[in-house]
Amino acid sequence: MVTFLGLYRLVSIIPYISTILAVQVHPVKRNVISTATCVSGYSWMNDGQGNSPCLTVAYVEAPCFGNSYTQPVLNNGNSYNVPSSSSANACSCSWSSYNLMMACTICQGNSNTSIWEWPQWISGCTNLSWTEIYYPSGYVLSAGASIPYWAITDPTTWTSATFNTQEAETAYQKSMSS
């Protein structure tokens, strides 16, 4: 009879265990948005899903910020903040983050004077291995977002190690003809 009671207790909690397991494996809800918009002429910067570089950089940053990230509008003449030693992470120090953040700056109609040089951008990155890859392994972009080919370019290869719109567009054109 003791064995029967033990089995009865186990069977009676199985529905609760399956509910708990279902909650634990449910995908994390992500809140990824961009209030920044690009002016016309920069659609070549969009990812394969048609997301602007501003929304795409939000998807690139989100996994390192608890799956939630808002890419704000940049006021004309201003620059986005470089990663600091207290805020730097594998996402923000990656090539794709830098390239997409600078593309987001330019596509909003800002001038090249609002662009950071790569050495300035990574000056706060405390782990230099983060600065040697286009995107950190083990992180996944959500909602089918993708990193455009031009955005995986090693920033040290841009002229003066600074994001270059003409060179990025040339890389885009080459990727489209391949």
C-alpha atoms as a PDB file:
ATOM      1  CA  MET A   1       0.000   0.000   0.000  1.00  0.00           C
ATOM      2  CA  VAL A   2       2.921   2.376   0.720  1.00  0.00           C
ATOM      3  CA  THR A   3       4.241   1.877  -2.822  1.00  0.00           C
ATOM      4  CA  PHE A   4       0.814   2.614  -4.256  1.00  0.00           C
ATOM      5  CA  LEU A   5       0.578   5.903  -2.294  1.00  0.00           C
ATOM      6  CA  GLY A   6       4.018   6.963  -3.487  1.00  0.00           C
ATOM      7  CA  LEU A   7       3.113   6.218  -7.091  1.00  0.00           C
ATOM      8  CA  TYR A   8      -0.212   8.036  -6.659  1.00  0.00           C
ATOM      9  CA  ARG A   9       1.604  11.145  -5.370  1.00  0.00           C
ATOM     10  CA  LEU A  10       4.060  11.062  -8.272  1.00  0.00           C
ATOM     11  CA  VAL A  11       1.308  10.661 -10.862  1.00  0.00           C
ATOM     12  CA  SER A  12      -0.727  13.476  -9.287  1.00  0.00           C
ATOM     13  CA  ILE A  13       2.131  16.002  -9.643  1.00  0.00           C
ATOM     14  CA  ILE A  14       3.083  15.133 -13.239  1.00  0.00           C
ATOM     15  CA  PRO A  15       0.749  17.803 -14.715  1.00  0.00           C
ATOM     16  CA  TYR A  16       2.447  20.408 -12.533  1.00  0.00           C
ATOM     17  CA  ILE A  17       5.935  19.274 -13.554  1.00  0.00           C
ATOM     18  CA  SER A  18       5.070  19.488 -17.254  1.00  0.00           C
ATOM     19  CA  THR A  19       3.658  22.992 -16.719  1.00  0.00           C
ATOM     20  CA  ILE A  20       6.836  24.077 -14.948  1.00  0.00           C
ATOM     21  CA  LEU A  21       9.026  22.612 -17.694  1.00  0.00           C
ATOM     22  CA  ALA A  22       6.947  24.304 -20.394  1.00  0.00           C
ATOM     23  CA  VAL A  23       7.468  27.660 -18.715  1.00  0.00           C
ATOM     24  CA  GLN A  24      11.205  27.087 -18.422  1.00  0.00           C
ATOM     25  CA  VAL A  25      11.742  26.308 -22.103  1.00  0.00           C
ATOM     26  CA  HIS A  26       9.410  29.013 -23.427  1.00  0.00           C
ATOM     27  CA  PRO A  27      11.368  31.512 -25.548  1.00  0.00           C
ATOM     28  CA  VAL A  28      12.333  34.782 -23.899  1.00  0.00           C
ATOM     29  CA  LYS A  29      10.233  37.701 -25.063  1.00  0.00           C
ATOM     30  CA  ARG A  30      12.396  40.337 -26.665  1.00  0.00           C
ATOM     31  CA  ASN A  31      11.633  44.018 -26.822  1.00  0.00           C
ATOM     32  CA  VAL A  32      13.803  45.326 -29.648  1.00  0.00           C
ATOM     33  CA  ILE A  33      12.900  48.629 -31.266  1.00  0.00           C
ATOM     34  CA  SER A  34      14.386  51.656 -32.943  1.00  0.00           C
ATOM     35  CA  THR A  35      12.880  55.112 -32.818  1.00  0.00           C
ATOM     36  CA  ALA A  36      15.517  56.248 -35.318  1.00  0.00           C
ATOM     37  CA  THR A  37      14.631  56.310 -39.008  1.00  0.00           C
ATOM     38  CA  CYS A  38      16.783  56.601 -42.082  1.00  0.00           C
ATOM     39  CA  VAL A  39      16.347  59.276 -44.722  1.00  0.00           C
ATOM     40  CA  SER A  40      15.920  58.161 -48.332  1.00  0.00           C
ATOM     41  CA  GLY A  41      18.926  56.861 -50.233  1.00  0.00           C
ATOM     42  CA  TYR A  42      20.137  54.374 -47.627  1.00  0.00           C
ATOM     43  CA  SER A  43      17.927  51.356 -48.272  1.00  0.00           C
ATOM     44  CA  TRP A  44      21.026  49.430 -49.409  1.00  0.00           C
ATOM     45  CA  MET A  45      22.039  49.431 -45.725  1.00  0.00           C
ATOM     46  CA  ASN A  46      18.965  47.359 -44.756  1.00  0.00           C
ATOM     47  CA  ASP A  47      19.305  43.745 -43.708  1.00  0.00           C
ATOM     48  CA  GLY A  48      17.743  40.859 -45.646  1.00  0.00           C
ATOM     49  CA  GLN A  49      14.399  41.423 -43.910  1.00  0.00           C
ATOM     50  CA  GLY A  50      14.294  45.115 -44.819  1.00  0.00           C
ATOM     51  CA  ASN A  51      15.247  46.338 -41.327  1.00  0.00           C
ATOM     52  CA  SER A  52      17.158  49.618 -41.254  1.00  0.00           C
ATOM     53  CA  PRO A  53      20.678  49.623 -39.803  1.00  0.00           C
ATOM     54  CA  CYS A  54      19.170  51.368 -36.752  1.00  0.00           C
ATOM     55  CA  LEU A  55      16.782  48.486 -36.044  1.00  0.00           C
ATOM     56  CA  THR A  56      19.403  45.906 -36.985  1.00  0.00           C
ATOM     57  CA  VAL A  57      21.912  47.356 -34.503  1.00  0.00           C
ATOM     58  CA  ALA A  58      19.193  47.103 -31.843  1.00  0.00           C
ATOM     59  CA  TYR A  59      18.915  43.374 -32.667  1.00  0.00           C
ATOM     60  CA  VAL A  60      22.724  43.075 -32.501  1.00  0.00           C
ATOM     61  CA  GLU A  61      22.849  44.771 -29.085  1.00  0.00           C
ATOM     62  CA  ALA A  62      19.764  43.145 -27.500  1.00  0.00           C
ATOM     63  CA  PRO A  63      21.257  39.739 -26.551  1.00  0.00           C
ATOM     64  CA  CYS A  64      23.814  41.491 -24.339  1.00  0.00           C
ATOM     65  CA  PHE A  65      21.170  43.701 -22.710  1.00  0.00           C
ATOM     66  CA  GLY A  66      18.693  41.129 -21.471  1.00  0.00           C
ATOM     67  CA  ASN A  67      17.043  40.737 -24.883  1.00  0.00           C
ATOM     68  CA  SER A  68      15.665  44.256 -24.735  1.00  0.00           C
ATOM     69  CA  TYR A  69      17.166  47.242 -26.520  1.00  0.00           C
ATOM     70  CA  THR A  70      15.933  50.536 -27.937  1.00  0.00           C
ATOM     71  CA  GLN A  71      18.050  52.328 -30.532  1.00  0.00           C
ATOM     72  CA  PRO A  72      17.246  56.017 -30.016  1.00  0.00           C
ATOM     73  CA  VAL A  73      17.065  58.854 -32.514  1.00  0.00           C
ATOM     74  CA  LEU A  74      20.334  60.740 -32.812  1.00  0.00           C
ATOM     75  CA  ASN A  75      20.052  64.506 -32.792  1.00  0.00           C
ATOM     76  CA  ASN A  76      21.788  66.147 -35.728  1.00  0.00           C
ATOM     77  CA  GLY A  77      25.472  66.787 -35.079  1.00  0.00           C
ATOM     78  CA  ASN A  78      25.652  64.337 -32.163  1.00  0.00           C
ATOM     79  CA  SER A  79      27.249  60.899 -31.912  1.00  0.00           C
ATOM     80  CA  TYR A  80      26.184  57.698 -30.205  1.00  0.00           C
ATOM     81  CA  ASN A  81      28.192  56.954 -27.053  1.00  0.00           C
ATOM     82  CA  VAL A  82      31.215  54.709 -27.346  1.00  0.00           C
ATOM     83  CA  PRO A  83      31.218  51.648 -25.098  1.00  0.00           C
ATOM     84  CA  SER A  84      32.716  52.592 -21.743  1.00  0.00           C
ATOM     85  CA  SER A  85      34.649  50.284 -19.438  1.00  0.00           C
ATOM     86  CA  SER A  86      31.470  49.895 -17.357  1.00  0.00           C
ATOM     87  CA  SER A  87      29.044  49.391 -20.276  1.00  0.00           C
ATOM     88  CA  ALA A  88      31.177  47.501 -22.827  1.00  0.00           C
ATOM     89  CA  ASN A  89      30.161  43.966 -23.714  1.00  0.00           C
ATOM     90  CA  ALA A  90      30.714  41.384 -26.438  1.00  0.00           C
ATOM     91  CA  CYS A  91      27.892  42.811 -28.569  1.00  0.00           C
ATOM     92  CA  SER A  92      28.750  46.520 -28.383  1.00  0.00           C
ATOM     93  CA  CYS A  93      32.451  45.894 -29.038  1.00  0.00           C
ATOM     94  CA  SER A  94      31.858  43.753 -32.142  1.00  0.00           C
ATOM     95  CA  TRP A  95      32.523  44.827 -35.717  1.00  0.00           C
ATOM     96  CA  SER A  96      28.851  44.574 -36.628  1.00  0.00           C
ATOM     97  CA  SER A  97      27.770  46.795 -33.750  1.00  0.00           C
ATOM     98  CA  TYR A  98      30.275  49.480 -34.699  1.00  0.00           C
ATOM     99  CA  ASN A  99      29.483  49.342 -38.427  1.00  0.00           C
ATOM    100  CA  LEU A 100      25.716  49.320 -37.926  1.00  0.00           C
ATOM    101  CA  MET A 101      25.849  52.062 -35.267  1.00  0.00           C
ATOM    102  CA  MET A 102      27.866  54.283 -37.590  1.00  0.00           C
ATOM    103  CA  ALA A 103      25.528  53.442 -40.504  1.00  0.00           C
ATOM    104  CA  CYS A 104      22.583  54.368 -38.284  1.00  0.00           C
ATOM    105  CA  THR A 105      24.298  57.685 -37.556  1.00  0.00           C
ATOM    106  CA  ILE A 106      24.828  58.464 -41.244  1.00  0.00           C
ATOM    107  CA  CYS A 107      21.455  57.250 -42.517  1.00  0.00           C
ATOM    108  CA  GLN A 108      19.659  59.670 -40.178  1.00  0.00           C
ATOM    109  CA  GLY A 109      21.258  62.498 -42.132  1.00  0.00           C
ATOM    110  CA  ASN A 110      24.220  63.193 -39.871  1.00  0.00           C
ATOM    111  CA  SER A 111      27.604  64.083 -41.319  1.00  0.00           C
ATOM    112  CA  ASN A 112      30.787  62.048 -41.182  1.00  0.00           C
ATOM    113  CA  THR A 113      31.957  64.244 -38.296  1.00  0.00           C
ATOM    114  CA  SER A 114      29.503  62.305 -36.098  1.00  0.00           C
ATOM    115  CA  ILE A 115      31.329  59.039 -36.844  1.00  0.00           C
ATOM    116  CA  TRP A 116      33.775  57.538 -34.352  1.00  0.00           C
ATOM    117  CA  GLU A 117      37.040  56.013 -35.494  1.00  0.00           C
ATOM    118  CA  TRP A 118      37.310  52.308 -34.629  1.00  0.00           C
ATOM    119  CA  PRO A 119      40.176  52.825 -32.113  1.00  0.00           C
ATOM    120  CA  GLN A 120      38.038  55.418 -30.287  1.00  0.00           C
ATOM    121  CA  TRP A 121      34.998  53.104 -30.354  1.00  0.00           C
ATOM    122  CA  ILE A 122      36.843  50.202 -28.750  1.00  0.00           C
ATOM    123  CA  SER A 123      38.834  52.264 -26.243  1.00  0.00           C
ATOM    124  CA  GLY A 124      36.446  51.220 -23.453  1.00  0.00           C
ATOM    125  CA  CYS A 125      36.260  47.554 -24.438  1.00  0.00           C
ATOM    126  CA  THR A 126      37.848  45.714 -21.547  1.00  0.00           C
ATOM    127  CA  ASN A 127      38.105  42.378 -23.364  1.00  0.00           C
ATOM    128  CA  LEU A 128      40.031  42.854 -26.595  1.00  0.00           C
ATOM    129  CA  SER A 129      38.847  39.499 -27.973  1.00  0.00           C
ATOM    130  CA  TRP A 130      35.406  41.155 -28.323  1.00  0.00           C
ATOM    131  CA  THR A 131      36.932  43.583 -30.839  1.00  0.00           C
ATOM    132  CA  GLU A 132      38.312  40.857 -33.101  1.00  0.00           C
ATOM    133  CA  ILE A 133      35.049  39.341 -34.357  1.00  0.00           C
ATOM    134  CA  TYR A 134      32.077  40.496 -36.356  1.00  0.00           C
ATOM    135  CA  TYR A 135      29.597  39.104 -33.781  1.00  0.00           C
ATOM    136  CA  PRO A 136      30.109  37.113 -30.573  1.00  0.00           C
ATOM    137  CA  SER A 137      29.535  33.373 -30.838  1.00  0.00           C
ATOM    138  CA  GLY A 138      26.741  31.966 -28.741  1.00  0.00           C
ATOM    139  CA  TYR A 139      24.479  34.984 -29.260  1.00  0.00           C
ATOM    140  CA  VAL A 140      21.463  34.844 -31.556  1.00  0.00           C
ATOM    141  CA  LEU A 141      19.595  37.633 -33.324  1.00  0.00           C
ATOM    142  CA  SER A 142      15.852  37.405 -32.867  1.00  0.00           C
ATOM    143  CA  ALA A 143      12.901  37.876 -35.217  1.00  0.00           C
ATOM    144  CA  GLY A 144      14.817  36.653 -38.240  1.00  0.00           C
ATOM    145  CA  ALA A 145      17.051  39.734 -38.240  1.00  0.00           C
ATOM    146  CA  SER A 146      20.352  39.352 -40.057  1.00  0.00           C
ATOM    147  CA  ILE A 147      23.619  41.223 -40.253  1.00  0.00           C
ATOM    148  CA  PRO A 148      24.213  42.687 -43.730  1.00  0.00           C
ATOM    149  CA  TYR A 149      27.381  41.548 -45.504  1.00  0.00           C
ATOM    150  CA  TRP A 150      28.985  45.015 -45.437  1.00  0.00           C
ATOM    151  CA  ALA A 151      28.452  45.205 -41.640  1.00  0.00           C
ATOM    152  CA  ILE A 152      30.743  42.222 -40.962  1.00  0.00           C
ATOM    153  CA  THR A 153      33.720  44.133 -42.353  1.00  0.00           C
ATOM    154  CA  ASP A 154      36.675  44.422 -39.997  1.00  0.00           C
ATOM    155  CA  PRO A 155      36.690  48.168 -39.173  1.00  0.00           C
ATOM    156  CA  THR A 156      40.494  48.282 -39.355  1.00  0.00           C
ATOM    157  CA  THR A 157      40.136  47.740 -43.109  1.00  0.00           C
ATOM    158  CA  TRP A 158      38.041  50.892 -43.667  1.00  0.00           C
ATOM    159  CA  THR A 159      40.075  53.913 -44.797  1.00  0.00           C
ATOM    160  CA  SER A 160      41.562  55.469 -41.651  1.00  0.00           C
ATOM    161  CA  ALA A 161      39.912  52.685 -39.591  1.00  0.00           C
ATOM    162  CA  THR A 162      36.673  54.670 -39.737  1.00  0.00           C
ATOM    163  CA  PHE A 163      33.303  53.509 -41.093  1.00  0.00           C
ATOM    164  CA  ASN A 164      33.129  54.611 -44.709  1.00  0.00           C
ATOM    165  CA  THR A 165      29.762  54.824 -46.472  1.00  0.00           C
ATOM    166  CA  GLN A 166      31.234  54.547 -49.975  1.00  0.00           C
ATOM    167  CA  GLU A 167      33.329  51.500 -49.092  1.00  0.00           C
ATOM    168  CA  ALA A 168      30.356  49.883 -47.328  1.00  0.00           C
ATOM    169  CA  GLU A 169      28.144  50.455 -50.364  1.00  0.00           C
ATOM    170  CA  THR A 170      30.826  48.967 -52.617  1.00  0.00           C
ATOM    171  CA  ALA A 171      30.907  45.875 -50.375  1.00  0.00           C
ATOM    172  CA  TYR A 172      27.099  45.735 -50.591  1.00  0.00           C
ATOM    173  CA  GLN A 173      27.212  45.962 -54.404  1.00  0.00           C
ATOM    174  CA  LYS A 174      29.821  43.176 -54.568  1.00  0.00           C
ATOM    175  CA  SER A 175      27.712  40.953 -52.319  1.00  0.00           C
ATOM    176  CA  MET A 176      24.685  41.509 -54.552  1.00  0.00           C
ATOM    177  CA  SER A 177      26.592  40.559 -57.724  1.00  0.00           C
ATOM    178  CA  SER A 178      28.013  37.353 -56.219  1.00  0.00           C
END
